[in-house]
Amino acid sequence: MRSAWTGFRSPLSHHIEQFVAVKRALGCRFASEDRTLRLLDRFLVDRGLTTLDDITADVIDEFLASRPRRAPKGYNHLLGVVRRLFDWLVSQQVIATSPVRTRPRPETARRLPFLVDPPLARRLLEVARQLPDNHRSRYRGPTYHAIFAVLYGLGLRVGEVSRLQLGDLDFDRDVLLIRDSKFGKSRQVPFGPRLAAVLRAYLAGRPRDRGTDAGAPLFTWSGRQPVHTNSIRNTFRDDIVPRLDVVLPPGTTRPRVHDLRHSFAVGTLLRWYRTGLDPAARLHHLSTFLGHVSPDTTAVYLTITSDLFAEANRRFEALAVPMIGEGRP
């Protein structure tokens, strides 16, 4: 059994703490990076290294080999965190040169995300509603039904949903307060009557021993800790997706819980096209809603689908036909 975390203890301990503090002061949550640096710290301790000079290129390569990553993206993330730490140490004149010599692995063309349309979303939520309880999770079905409804209906990050507290839910104005999200930003997200009904039904049946004060987690099994993001991801992957019998289009990834956020963004763009709105002029609205720093970040989510292509083509034809009739090229 893995021992409890007791703090950084390697020759890098003080420097890692400073590095993480700097990143968080800049508004980065730095959660996954912190976990990676804990692994590096534990590896150095287990190796019995006592000075910064002991941390050579071979040691870094051994650490990377000890944390196998099949996909290039996962390996490059691991390598990138370690590289940024040592580059920062060089910039702070703690060390003269970085011991990281390994190059990133080439990434093949990225597969398209799996997009969930409204009919599939309804099936997904029904499967979630019917999830049975287990010895650790009472009221499991209604809880995951509400979680996935919020993820799909509002396009939130899974961490944002996990961290929601009872006091973040305002039924008077029908808004959710998303606190201290990515880059330290907070925002208010409005929701409609159907999602309000889902949340009211969830709260009506929620066991009272899970807390009733404003600071209690909205989604929780114990009343103290929120439902963990990994639990949400694993439930989606292992308990929901296999029951949906989805057929993956060529070049598409297996469904992931983050695809619900992606589906929200693409679905919003599609609705704008179909109602005659100009997506380009409204992209900053979607960017604000999703909690992005800029519309450029939001554009990453806007995968071209056959529906979007058809709507864009119809928009082009509506503009082009009058121009051709006027003799314009």
C-alpha atoms as a PDB file:
ATOM      1  CA  MET A   1       0.000   0.000   0.000  1.00  0.00           C
ATOM      2  CA  ARG A   2       1.346   3.440  -0.967  1.00  0.00           C
ATOM      3  CA  SER A   3       2.500   5.499   2.007  1.00  0.00           C
ATOM      4  CA  ALA A   4       0.799   8.802   2.792  1.00  0.00           C
ATOM      5  CA  TRP A   5       2.284  11.954   1.316  1.00  0.00           C
ATOM      6  CA  THR A   6       4.491  13.747   3.837  1.00  0.00           C
ATOM      7  CA  GLY A   7       5.998  16.488   1.687  1.00  0.00           C
ATOM      8  CA  PHE A   8       8.915  16.833  -0.706  1.00  0.00           C
ATOM      9  CA  ARG A   9      12.101  15.319   0.730  1.00  0.00           C
ATOM     10  CA  SER A  10      14.601  15.038  -2.136  1.00  0.00           C
ATOM     11  CA  PRO A  11      17.488  17.438  -2.891  1.00  0.00           C
ATOM     12  CA  LEU A  12      14.933  19.259  -5.077  1.00  0.00           C
ATOM     13  CA  SER A  13      12.345  19.633  -2.303  1.00  0.00           C
ATOM     14  CA  HIS A  14      12.750  23.350  -1.567  1.00  0.00           C
ATOM     15  CA  HIS A  15      13.070  24.235  -5.243  1.00  0.00           C
ATOM     16  CA  ILE A  16       9.995  22.219  -6.234  1.00  0.00           C
ATOM     17  CA  GLU A  17       7.956  23.975  -3.557  1.00  0.00           C
ATOM     18  CA  GLN A  18       9.098  27.360  -4.859  1.00  0.00           C
ATOM     19  CA  PHE A  19       8.401  26.362  -8.467  1.00  0.00           C
ATOM     20  CA  VAL A  20       4.872  25.181  -7.666  1.00  0.00           C
ATOM     21  CA  ALA A  21       4.211  28.318  -5.592  1.00  0.00           C
ATOM     22  CA  VAL A  22       5.283  30.560  -8.479  1.00  0.00           C
ATOM     23  CA  LYS A  23       3.029  28.765 -10.938  1.00  0.00           C
ATOM     24  CA  ARG A  24       0.045  28.965  -8.602  1.00  0.00           C
ATOM     25  CA  ALA A  25       0.702  32.623  -7.926  1.00  0.00           C
ATOM     26  CA  LEU A  26       0.346  33.114 -11.678  1.00  0.00           C
ATOM     27  CA  GLY A  27      -3.116  31.551 -11.539  1.00  0.00           C
ATOM     28  CA  CYS A  28      -2.246  27.982 -12.579  1.00  0.00           C
ATOM     29  CA  ARG A  29      -3.963  25.232 -10.592  1.00  0.00           C
ATOM     30  CA  PHE A  30      -0.948  22.997 -11.299  1.00  0.00           C
ATOM     31  CA  ALA A  31      -2.596  19.879  -9.840  1.00  0.00           C
ATOM     32  CA  SER A  32      -1.429  17.225 -12.314  1.00  0.00           C
ATOM     33  CA  GLU A  33       2.011  18.847 -12.464  1.00  0.00           C
ATOM     34  CA  ASP A  34       2.251  18.723  -8.689  1.00  0.00           C
ATOM     35  CA  ARG A  35       1.500  14.993  -8.771  1.00  0.00           C
ATOM     36  CA  THR A  36       4.219  14.461 -11.378  1.00  0.00           C
ATOM     37  CA  LEU A  37       6.764  16.348  -9.277  1.00  0.00           C
ATOM     38  CA  ARG A  38       5.826  14.258  -6.243  1.00  0.00           C
ATOM     39  CA  LEU A  39       6.669  11.150  -8.288  1.00  0.00           C
ATOM     40  CA  LEU A  40      10.025  12.650  -9.258  1.00  0.00           C
ATOM     41  CA  ASP A  41      10.754  13.604  -5.658  1.00  0.00           C
ATOM     42  CA  ARG A  42       9.898  10.102  -4.405  1.00  0.00           C
ATOM     43  CA  PHE A  43      12.074   8.546  -7.128  1.00  0.00           C
ATOM     44  CA  LEU A  44      15.082  10.659  -6.118  1.00  0.00           C
ATOM     45  CA  VAL A  45      14.596   9.760  -2.451  1.00  0.00           C
ATOM     46  CA  ASP A  46      14.298   6.062  -3.252  1.00  0.00           C
ATOM     47  CA  ARG A  47      17.514   6.297  -5.264  1.00  0.00           C
ATOM     48  CA  GLY A  48      19.292   7.752  -2.231  1.00  0.00           C
ATOM     49  CA  LEU A  49      20.384  10.939  -4.043  1.00  0.00           C
ATOM     50  CA  THR A  50      21.465  13.733  -1.698  1.00  0.00           C
ATOM     51  CA  THR A  51      22.713  16.627  -3.877  1.00  0.00           C
ATOM     52  CA  LEU A  52      21.628  18.444  -7.002  1.00  0.00           C
ATOM     53  CA  ASP A  53      24.824  17.281  -8.720  1.00  0.00           C
ATOM     54  CA  ASP A  54      23.611  13.700  -8.336  1.00  0.00           C
ATOM     55  CA  ILE A  55      20.687  14.402 -10.659  1.00  0.00           C
ATOM     56  CA  THR A  56      22.184  13.610 -14.050  1.00  0.00           C
ATOM     57  CA  ALA A  57      20.709  13.021 -17.491  1.00  0.00           C
ATOM     58  CA  ASP A  58      20.847   9.259 -16.833  1.00  0.00           C
ATOM     59  CA  VAL A  59      18.866   9.700 -13.618  1.00  0.00           C
ATOM     60  CA  ILE A  60      16.186  11.685 -15.451  1.00  0.00           C
ATOM     61  CA  ASP A  61      15.997   9.006 -18.155  1.00  0.00           C
ATOM     62  CA  GLU A  62      15.618   6.331 -15.485  1.00  0.00           C
ATOM     63  CA  PHE A  63      12.784   8.294 -13.897  1.00  0.00           C
ATOM     64  CA  LEU A  64      10.985   8.638 -17.234  1.00  0.00           C
ATOM     65  CA  ALA A  65      11.421   4.907 -17.867  1.00  0.00           C
ATOM     66  CA  SER A  66       9.981   4.156 -14.417  1.00  0.00           C
ATOM     67  CA  ARG A  67       6.736   5.905 -15.368  1.00  0.00           C
ATOM     68  CA  PRO A  68       5.813   4.211 -18.678  1.00  0.00           C
ATOM     69  CA  ARG A  69       3.433   6.127 -20.910  1.00  0.00           C
ATOM     70  CA  ARG A  70       2.115   4.291 -23.956  1.00  0.00           C
ATOM     71  CA  ALA A  71       0.726   7.315 -25.755  1.00  0.00           C
ATOM     72  CA  PRO A  72       3.158  10.025 -26.938  1.00  0.00           C
ATOM     73  CA  LYS A  73       0.894  12.731 -25.481  1.00  0.00           C
ATOM     74  CA  GLY A  74       1.106  11.261 -21.969  1.00  0.00           C
ATOM     75  CA  TYR A  75       4.852  10.749 -22.197  1.00  0.00           C
ATOM     76  CA  ASN A  76       5.423  14.274 -23.498  1.00  0.00           C
ATOM     77  CA  HIS A  77       3.346  15.732 -20.655  1.00  0.00           C
ATOM     78  CA  LEU A  78       5.485  13.864 -18.111  1.00  0.00           C
ATOM     79  CA  LEU A  79       8.674  14.985 -19.840  1.00  0.00           C
ATOM     80  CA  GLY A  80       7.399  18.547 -20.201  1.00  0.00           C
ATOM     81  CA  VAL A  81       6.723  18.981 -16.484  1.00  0.00           C
ATOM     82  CA  VAL A  82      10.217  17.771 -15.600  1.00  0.00           C
ATOM     83  CA  ARG A  83      11.804  19.910 -18.317  1.00  0.00           C
ATOM     84  CA  ARG A  84      10.001  23.066 -17.174  1.00  0.00           C
ATOM     85  CA  LEU A  85      11.141  22.506 -13.590  1.00  0.00           C
ATOM     86  CA  PHE A  86      14.801  22.269 -14.554  1.00  0.00           C
ATOM     87  CA  ASP A  87      14.566  25.123 -17.058  1.00  0.00           C
ATOM     88  CA  TRP A  88      13.197  27.245 -14.207  1.00  0.00           C
ATOM     89  CA  LEU A  89      16.102  26.171 -11.983  1.00  0.00           C
ATOM     90  CA  VAL A  90      18.504  27.304 -14.700  1.00  0.00           C
ATOM     91  CA  SER A  91      16.702  30.648 -14.992  1.00  0.00           C
ATOM     92  CA  GLN A  92      16.999  31.085 -11.215  1.00  0.00           C
ATOM     93  CA  GLN A  93      20.721  30.273 -11.428  1.00  0.00           C
ATOM     94  CA  VAL A  94      20.278  27.319  -9.086  1.00  0.00           C
ATOM     95  CA  ILE A  95      21.972  25.030 -11.622  1.00  0.00           C
ATOM     96  CA  ALA A  96      24.099  25.865 -14.655  1.00  0.00           C
ATOM     97  CA  THR A  97      22.473  23.499 -17.163  1.00  0.00           C
ATOM     98  CA  SER A  98      19.420  21.284 -17.280  1.00  0.00           C
ATOM     99  CA  PRO A  99      19.986  17.519 -17.003  1.00  0.00           C
ATOM    100  CA  VAL A 100      16.967  16.885 -19.242  1.00  0.00           C
ATOM    101  CA  ARG A 101      18.295  15.720 -22.600  1.00  0.00           C
ATOM    102  CA  THR A 102      15.462  13.509 -23.803  1.00  0.00           C
ATOM    103  CA  ARG A 103      13.410  14.777 -26.728  1.00  0.00           C
ATOM    104  CA  PRO A 104       9.613  14.560 -26.941  1.00  0.00           C
ATOM    105  CA  ARG A 105       8.092  11.688 -28.845  1.00  0.00           C
ATOM    106  CA  PRO A 106       6.481  12.561 -32.184  1.00  0.00           C
ATOM    107  CA  GLU A 107       2.716  12.690 -31.960  1.00  0.00           C
ATOM    108  CA  THR A 108       0.668  11.289 -34.788  1.00  0.00           C
ATOM    109  CA  ALA A 109      -2.320  13.147 -36.201  1.00  0.00           C
ATOM    110  CA  ARG A 110      -4.834  13.615 -33.428  1.00  0.00           C
ATOM    111  CA  ARG A 111      -8.057  11.699 -33.629  1.00  0.00           C
ATOM    112  CA  LEU A 112     -11.319  13.608 -33.553  1.00  0.00           C
ATOM    113  CA  PRO A 113     -13.244  13.798 -30.275  1.00  0.00           C
ATOM    114  CA  PHE A 114     -16.428  11.802 -29.931  1.00  0.00           C
ATOM    115  CA  LEU A 115     -19.350  14.226 -30.048  1.00  0.00           C
ATOM    116  CA  VAL A 116     -22.531  13.471 -28.131  1.00  0.00           C
ATOM    117  CA  ASP A 117     -25.721  14.614 -29.849  1.00  0.00           C
ATOM    118  CA  PRO A 118     -28.986  15.239 -27.930  1.00  0.00           C
ATOM    119  CA  PRO A 119     -30.545  11.781 -28.555  1.00  0.00           C
ATOM    120  CA  LEU A 120     -27.390  10.038 -27.317  1.00  0.00           C
ATOM    121  CA  ALA A 121     -27.192  12.439 -24.372  1.00  0.00           C
ATOM    122  CA  ARG A 122     -30.712  11.432 -23.315  1.00  0.00           C
ATOM    123  CA  ARG A 123     -29.697   7.751 -23.432  1.00  0.00           C
ATOM    124  CA  LEU A 124     -26.522   8.529 -21.495  1.00  0.00           C
ATOM    125  CA  LEU A 125     -28.434  10.304 -18.731  1.00  0.00           C
ATOM    126  CA  GLU A 126     -30.949   7.473 -18.487  1.00  0.00           C
ATOM    127  CA  VAL A 127     -28.141   4.919 -18.119  1.00  0.00           C
ATOM    128  CA  ALA A 128     -26.593   7.118 -15.425  1.00  0.00           C
ATOM    129  CA  ARG A 129     -29.920   7.393 -13.597  1.00  0.00           C
ATOM    130  CA  GLN A 130     -30.149   3.597 -13.385  1.00  0.00           C
ATOM    131  CA  LEU A 131     -26.669   3.004 -11.936  1.00  0.00           C
ATOM    132  CA  PRO A 132     -26.992   0.796  -8.839  1.00  0.00           C
ATOM    133  CA  ASP A 133     -25.684   1.777  -5.431  1.00  0.00           C
ATOM    134  CA  ASN A 134     -22.582   0.106  -4.026  1.00  0.00           C
ATOM    135  CA  HIS A 135     -21.103  -0.161  -0.537  1.00  0.00           C
ATOM    136  CA  ARG A 136     -19.325   3.196  -0.907  1.00  0.00           C
ATOM    137  CA  SER A 137     -21.886   5.145  -2.897  1.00  0.00           C
ATOM    138  CA  ARG A 138     -25.541   5.480  -1.899  1.00  0.00           C
ATOM    139  CA  TYR A 139     -27.866   7.487  -4.156  1.00  0.00           C
ATOM    140  CA  ARG A 140     -25.370   6.753  -6.926  1.00  0.00           C
ATOM    141  CA  GLY A 141     -27.690   6.836  -9.955  1.00  0.00           C
ATOM    142  CA  PRO A 142     -29.345  10.204  -9.253  1.00  0.00           C
ATOM    143  CA  THR A 143     -25.947  11.685  -8.343  1.00  0.00           C
ATOM    144  CA  TYR A 144     -24.283  10.705 -11.604  1.00  0.00           C
ATOM    145  CA  HIS A 145     -27.413  11.621 -13.553  1.00  0.00           C
ATOM    146  CA  ALA A 146     -27.117  15.171 -12.175  1.00  0.00           C
ATOM    147  CA  ILE A 147     -23.334  15.283 -12.668  1.00  0.00           C
ATOM    148  CA  PHE A 148     -23.485  14.287 -16.335  1.00  0.00           C
ATOM    149  CA  ALA A 149     -26.478  16.562 -16.944  1.00  0.00           C
ATOM    150  CA  VAL A 150     -24.442  19.535 -15.692  1.00  0.00           C
ATOM    151  CA  LEU A 151     -21.370  18.490 -17.680  1.00  0.00           C
ATOM    152  CA  TYR A 152     -23.317  18.132 -20.917  1.00  0.00           C
ATOM    153  CA  GLY A 153     -25.821  20.926 -20.385  1.00  0.00           C
ATOM    154  CA  LEU A 154     -23.328  23.617 -19.358  1.00  0.00           C
ATOM    155  CA  GLY A 155     -20.025  22.434 -20.843  1.00  0.00           C
ATOM    156  CA  LEU A 156     -18.209  22.635 -17.508  1.00  0.00           C
ATOM    157  CA  ARG A 157     -14.840  21.073 -16.784  1.00  0.00           C
ATOM    158  CA  VAL A 158     -15.046  17.889 -14.739  1.00  0.00           C
ATOM    159  CA  GLY A 159     -13.023  19.523 -11.954  1.00  0.00           C
ATOM    160  CA  GLU A 160     -15.444  22.448 -11.837  1.00  0.00           C
ATOM    161  CA  VAL A 161     -18.390  20.101 -11.330  1.00  0.00           C
ATOM    162  CA  SER A 162     -16.520  18.092  -8.701  1.00  0.00           C
ATOM    163  CA  ARG A 163     -15.752  21.252  -6.671  1.00  0.00           C
ATOM    164  CA  LEU A 164     -19.293  22.643  -6.673  1.00  0.00           C
ATOM    165  CA  GLN A 165     -20.708  23.429  -3.248  1.00  0.00           C
ATOM    166  CA  LEU A 166     -24.333  23.789  -2.179  1.00  0.00           C
ATOM    167  CA  GLY A 167     -23.845  27.540  -1.811  1.00  0.00           C
ATOM    168  CA  ASP A 168     -22.766  27.809  -5.451  1.00  0.00           C
ATOM    169  CA  LEU A 169     -26.267  26.891  -6.603  1.00  0.00           C
ATOM    170  CA  ASP A 170     -28.643  29.873  -6.854  1.00  0.00           C
ATOM    171  CA  PHE A 171     -32.199  28.896  -7.811  1.00  0.00           C
ATOM    172  CA  ASP A 172     -33.448  32.470  -7.429  1.00  0.00           C
ATOM    173  CA  ARG A 173     -31.408  33.572 -10.435  1.00  0.00           C
ATOM    174  CA  ASP A 174     -30.796  30.094 -11.945  1.00  0.00           C
ATOM    175  CA  VAL A 175     -27.007  30.433 -11.966  1.00  0.00           C
ATOM    176  CA  LEU A 176     -24.061  28.357 -10.794  1.00  0.00           C
ATOM    177  CA  LEU A 177     -21.026  30.036  -9.282  1.00  0.00           C
ATOM    178  CA  ILE A 178     -17.859  28.420 -10.639  1.00  0.00           C
ATOM    179  CA  ARG A 179     -15.185  29.396  -8.125  1.00  0.00           C
ATOM    180  CA  ASP A 180     -11.445  29.575  -8.554  1.00  0.00           C
ATOM    181  CA  SER A 181     -11.315  27.606 -11.776  1.00  0.00           C
ATOM    182  CA  LYS A 182      -8.503  27.374 -14.293  1.00  0.00           C
ATOM    183  CA  PHE A 183      -6.074  30.331 -14.079  1.00  0.00           C
ATOM    184  CA  GLY A 184      -7.729  31.336 -10.811  1.00  0.00           C
ATOM    185  CA  LYS A 185     -10.839  32.678 -12.541  1.00  0.00           C
ATOM    186  CA  SER A 186     -14.394  32.574 -11.201  1.00  0.00           C
ATOM    187  CA  ARG A 187     -17.561  33.040 -13.216  1.00  0.00           C
ATOM    188  CA  GLN A 188     -21.329  32.710 -13.019  1.00  0.00           C
ATOM    189  CA  VAL A 189     -22.985  30.249 -15.401  1.00  0.00           C
ATOM    190  CA  PRO A 190     -26.747  30.494 -16.028  1.00  0.00           C
ATOM    191  CA  PHE A 191     -28.838  27.361 -16.510  1.00  0.00           C
ATOM    192  CA  GLY A 192     -32.270  26.753 -17.960  1.00  0.00           C
ATOM    193  CA  PRO A 193     -35.488  25.263 -16.553  1.00  0.00           C
ATOM    194  CA  ARG A 194     -34.756  21.649 -17.555  1.00  0.00           C
ATOM    195  CA  LEU A 195     -31.413  21.588 -15.777  1.00  0.00           C
ATOM    196  CA  ALA A 196     -32.994  23.408 -12.829  1.00  0.00           C
ATOM    197  CA  ALA A 197     -35.556  20.589 -12.615  1.00  0.00           C
ATOM    198  CA  VAL A 198     -32.769  17.971 -12.658  1.00  0.00           C
ATOM    199  CA  LEU A 199     -30.893  19.734  -9.857  1.00  0.00           C
ATOM    200  CA  ARG A 200     -34.021  20.265  -7.748  1.00  0.00           C
ATOM    201  CA  ALA A 201     -34.924  16.573  -8.082  1.00  0.00           C
ATOM    202  CA  TYR A 202     -31.384  15.567  -7.133  1.00  0.00           C
ATOM    203  CA  LEU A 203     -31.396  17.765  -4.043  1.00  0.00           C
ATOM    204  CA  ALA A 204     -34.869  16.590  -3.004  1.00  0.00           C
ATOM    205  CA  GLY A 205     -33.629  13.001  -2.755  1.00  0.00           C
ATOM    206  CA  ARG A 206     -30.089  13.724  -1.593  1.00  0.00           C
ATOM    207  CA  PRO A 207     -29.403  12.098   1.814  1.00  0.00           C
ATOM    208  CA  ARG A 208     -29.407  14.710   4.580  1.00  0.00           C
ATOM    209  CA  ASP A 209     -26.266  13.289   6.164  1.00  0.00           C
ATOM    210  CA  ARG A 210     -24.249  14.687   3.266  1.00  0.00           C
ATOM    211  CA  GLY A 211     -24.347  18.207   4.615  1.00  0.00           C
ATOM    212  CA  THR A 212     -26.765  21.087   4.307  1.00  0.00           C
ATOM    213  CA  ASP A 213     -24.557  24.134   4.855  1.00  0.00           C
ATOM    214  CA  ALA A 214     -23.409  26.311   1.964  1.00  0.00           C
ATOM    215  CA  GLY A 215     -19.853  24.935   2.076  1.00  0.00           C
ATOM    216  CA  ALA A 216     -20.874  21.272   1.755  1.00  0.00           C
ATOM    217  CA  PRO A 217     -19.996  19.563  -1.546  1.00  0.00           C
ATOM    218  CA  LEU A 218     -22.909  19.478  -3.967  1.00  0.00           C
ATOM    219  CA  PHE A 219     -21.931  16.017  -5.219  1.00  0.00           C
ATOM    220  CA  THR A 220     -20.552  13.803  -2.463  1.00  0.00           C
ATOM    221  CA  TRP A 221     -20.760  10.319  -0.976  1.00  0.00           C
ATOM    222  CA  SER A 222     -19.488  11.155   2.495  1.00  0.00           C
ATOM    223  CA  GLY A 223     -20.715  14.707   3.052  1.00  0.00           C
ATOM    224  CA  ARG A 224     -17.104  15.801   3.504  1.00  0.00           C
ATOM    225  CA  GLN A 225     -15.239  15.161   0.263  1.00  0.00           C
ATOM    226  CA  PRO A 226     -16.666  15.779  -3.221  1.00  0.00           C
ATOM    227  CA  VAL A 227     -17.021  12.998  -5.767  1.00  0.00           C
ATOM    228  CA  HIS A 228     -13.490  12.789  -7.167  1.00  0.00           C
ATOM    229  CA  THR A 229     -12.798  13.690 -10.777  1.00  0.00           C
ATOM    230  CA  ASN A 230     -11.268  10.256 -11.396  1.00  0.00           C
ATOM    231  CA  SER A 231     -14.430   8.610 -10.088  1.00  0.00           C
ATOM    232  CA  ILE A 232     -16.477  10.638 -12.572  1.00  0.00           C
ATOM    233  CA  ARG A 233     -14.127   9.763 -15.443  1.00  0.00           C
ATOM    234  CA  ASN A 234     -13.975   6.071 -14.539  1.00  0.00           C
ATOM    235  CA  THR A 235     -17.740   5.781 -14.130  1.00  0.00           C
ATOM    236  CA  PHE A 236     -18.269   7.389 -17.515  1.00  0.00           C
ATOM    237  CA  ARG A 237     -15.722   5.107 -19.181  1.00  0.00           C
ATOM    238  CA  ASP A 238     -16.516   1.812 -17.413  1.00  0.00           C
ATOM    239  CA  ASP A 239     -20.191   2.015 -16.440  1.00  0.00           C
ATOM    240  CA  ILE A 240     -21.827   4.395 -18.917  1.00  0.00           C
ATOM    241  CA  VAL A 241     -20.135   4.117 -22.320  1.00  0.00           C
ATOM    242  CA  PRO A 242     -20.265   0.283 -22.591  1.00  0.00           C
ATOM    243  CA  ARG A 243     -24.058   0.412 -22.134  1.00  0.00           C
ATOM    244  CA  LEU A 244     -24.540   2.947 -24.931  1.00  0.00           C
ATOM    245  CA  ASP A 245     -23.407   0.634 -27.759  1.00  0.00           C
ATOM    246  CA  VAL A 246     -21.984   3.581 -29.674  1.00  0.00           C
ATOM    247  CA  VAL A 247     -20.415   3.120 -33.103  1.00  0.00           C
ATOM    248  CA  LEU A 248     -17.213   5.119 -33.422  1.00  0.00           C
ATOM    249  CA  PRO A 249     -16.872   7.038 -36.699  1.00  0.00           C
ATOM    250  CA  PRO A 250     -13.507   6.505 -38.441  1.00  0.00           C
ATOM    251  CA  GLY A 251     -10.715   8.573 -36.902  1.00  0.00           C
ATOM    252  CA  THR A 252     -12.657   9.237 -33.683  1.00  0.00           C
ATOM    253  CA  THR A 253     -11.451   8.653 -30.119  1.00  0.00           C
ATOM    254  CA  ARG A 254     -13.261   6.448 -27.640  1.00  0.00           C
ATOM    255  CA  PRO A 255     -15.766   8.566 -25.690  1.00  0.00           C
ATOM    256  CA  ARG A 256     -14.270  10.441 -22.729  1.00  0.00           C
ATOM    257  CA  VAL A 257     -16.042  12.555 -20.158  1.00  0.00           C
ATOM    258  CA  HIS A 258     -14.281  15.675 -21.519  1.00  0.00           C
ATOM    259  CA  ASP A 259     -16.112  15.063 -24.810  1.00  0.00           C
ATOM    260  CA  LEU A 260     -19.281  16.311 -23.100  1.00  0.00           C
ATOM    261  CA  ARG A 261     -17.677  19.774 -22.841  1.00  0.00           C
ATOM    262  CA  HIS A 262     -16.537  19.517 -26.446  1.00  0.00           C
ATOM    263  CA  SER A 263     -20.047  18.491 -27.506  1.00  0.00           C
ATOM    264  CA  PHE A 264     -21.533  21.510 -25.726  1.00  0.00           C
ATOM    265  CA  ALA A 265     -19.246  23.890 -27.653  1.00  0.00           C
ATOM    266  CA  VAL A 266     -19.934  22.299 -31.043  1.00  0.00           C
ATOM    267  CA  GLY A 267     -23.662  22.069 -30.310  1.00  0.00           C
ATOM    268  CA  THR A 268     -23.758  25.767 -29.434  1.00  0.00           C
ATOM    269  CA  LEU A 269     -22.076  26.704 -32.705  1.00  0.00           C
ATOM    270  CA  LEU A 270     -24.496  24.482 -34.624  1.00  0.00           C
ATOM    271  CA  ARG A 271     -27.514  26.154 -32.982  1.00  0.00           C
ATOM    272  CA  TRP A 272     -26.130  29.567 -33.909  1.00  0.00           C
ATOM    273  CA  TYR A 273     -25.819  28.530 -37.542  1.00  0.00           C
ATOM    274  CA  ARG A 274     -29.339  27.109 -37.623  1.00  0.00           C
ATOM    275  CA  THR A 275     -30.901  30.211 -36.070  1.00  0.00           C
ATOM    276  CA  GLY A 276     -29.114  32.587 -38.440  1.00  0.00           C
ATOM    277  CA  LEU A 277     -26.661  34.045 -35.918  1.00  0.00           C
ATOM    278  CA  ASP A 278     -23.073  34.887 -36.827  1.00  0.00           C
ATOM    279  CA  PRO A 279     -20.835  32.439 -34.907  1.00  0.00           C
ATOM    280  CA  ALA A 280     -17.705  34.529 -35.422  1.00  0.00           C
ATOM    281  CA  ALA A 281     -19.338  37.570 -33.838  1.00  0.00           C
ATOM    282  CA  ARG A 282     -20.516  35.588 -30.810  1.00  0.00           C
ATOM    283  CA  LEU A 283     -17.496  33.389 -30.171  1.00  0.00           C
ATOM    284  CA  HIS A 284     -16.369  35.609 -27.296  1.00  0.00           C
ATOM    285  CA  HIS A 285     -19.693  34.863 -25.539  1.00  0.00           C
ATOM    286  CA  LEU A 286     -18.999  31.145 -25.721  1.00  0.00           C
ATOM    287  CA  SER A 287     -15.412  31.735 -24.596  1.00  0.00           C
ATOM    288  CA  THR A 288     -16.627  33.584 -21.485  1.00  0.00           C
ATOM    289  CA  PHE A 289     -19.249  30.933 -20.743  1.00  0.00           C
ATOM    290  CA  LEU A 290     -16.647  28.144 -20.920  1.00  0.00           C
ATOM    291  CA  GLY A 291     -14.172  30.071 -18.763  1.00  0.00           C
ATOM    292  CA  HIS A 292     -11.508  30.447 -21.444  1.00  0.00           C
ATOM    293  CA  VAL A 293      -8.869  33.149 -21.480  1.00  0.00           C
ATOM    294  CA  SER A 294      -9.597  34.067 -25.103  1.00  0.00           C
ATOM    295  CA  PRO A 295     -11.716  32.955 -28.104  1.00  0.00           C
ATOM    296  CA  ASP A 296      -8.559  31.416 -29.585  1.00  0.00           C
ATOM    297  CA  THR A 297      -8.685  28.804 -26.823  1.00  0.00           C
ATOM    298  CA  THR A 298     -12.363  28.136 -27.499  1.00  0.00           C
ATOM    299  CA  ALA A 299     -11.674  27.573 -31.199  1.00  0.00           C
ATOM    300  CA  VAL A 300      -9.837  24.354 -30.304  1.00  0.00           C
ATOM    301  CA  TYR A 301     -13.202  22.828 -29.324  1.00  0.00           C
ATOM    302  CA  LEU A 302     -14.954  23.694 -32.547  1.00  0.00           C
ATOM    303  CA  THR A 303     -14.372  20.497 -34.501  1.00  0.00           C
ATOM    304  CA  ILE A 304     -15.801  20.535 -38.007  1.00  0.00           C
ATOM    305  CA  THR A 305     -18.550  17.909 -38.180  1.00  0.00           C
ATOM    306  CA  SER A 306     -20.769  16.938 -41.097  1.00  0.00           C
ATOM    307  CA  ASP A 307     -23.640  18.921 -39.558  1.00  0.00           C
ATOM    308  CA  LEU A 308     -21.504  22.014 -39.095  1.00  0.00           C
ATOM    309  CA  PHE A 309     -20.108  21.677 -42.607  1.00  0.00           C
ATOM    310  CA  ALA A 310     -23.616  21.435 -44.050  1.00  0.00           C
ATOM    311  CA  GLU A 311     -24.814  24.483 -42.101  1.00  0.00           C
ATOM    312  CA  ALA A 312     -21.745  26.508 -43.094  1.00  0.00           C
ATOM    313  CA  ASN A 313     -22.269  25.488 -46.715  1.00  0.00           C
ATOM    314  CA  ARG A 314     -25.906  26.604 -46.603  1.00  0.00           C
ATOM    315  CA  ARG A 315     -24.807  29.920 -45.086  1.00  0.00           C
ATOM    316  CA  PHE A 316     -22.288  30.362 -47.909  1.00  0.00           C
ATOM    317  CA  GLU A 317     -24.862  29.539 -50.584  1.00  0.00           C
ATOM    318  CA  ALA A 318     -27.322  32.037 -49.110  1.00  0.00           C
ATOM    319  CA  LEU A 319     -24.686  34.751 -49.440  1.00  0.00           C
ATOM    320  CA  ALA A 320     -23.188  33.630 -52.736  1.00  0.00           C
ATOM    321  CA  VAL A 321     -26.361  33.256 -54.833  1.00  0.00           C
ATOM    322  CA  PRO A 322     -27.389  36.964 -54.620  1.00  0.00           C
ATOM    323  CA  MET A 323     -23.815  37.989 -55.440  1.00  0.00           C
ATOM    324  CA  ILE A 324     -23.776  35.775 -58.524  1.00  0.00           C
ATOM    325  CA  GLY A 325     -27.143  37.167 -59.605  1.00  0.00           C
ATOM    326  CA  GLU A 326     -25.658  40.645 -59.392  1.00  0.00           C
ATOM    327  CA  GLY A 327     -22.794  39.615 -61.646  1.00  0.00           C
ATOM    328  CA  ARG A 328     -20.246  39.761 -58.842  1.00  0.00           C
ATOM    329  CA  PRO A 329     -17.490  37.126 -58.738  1.00  0.00           C
END
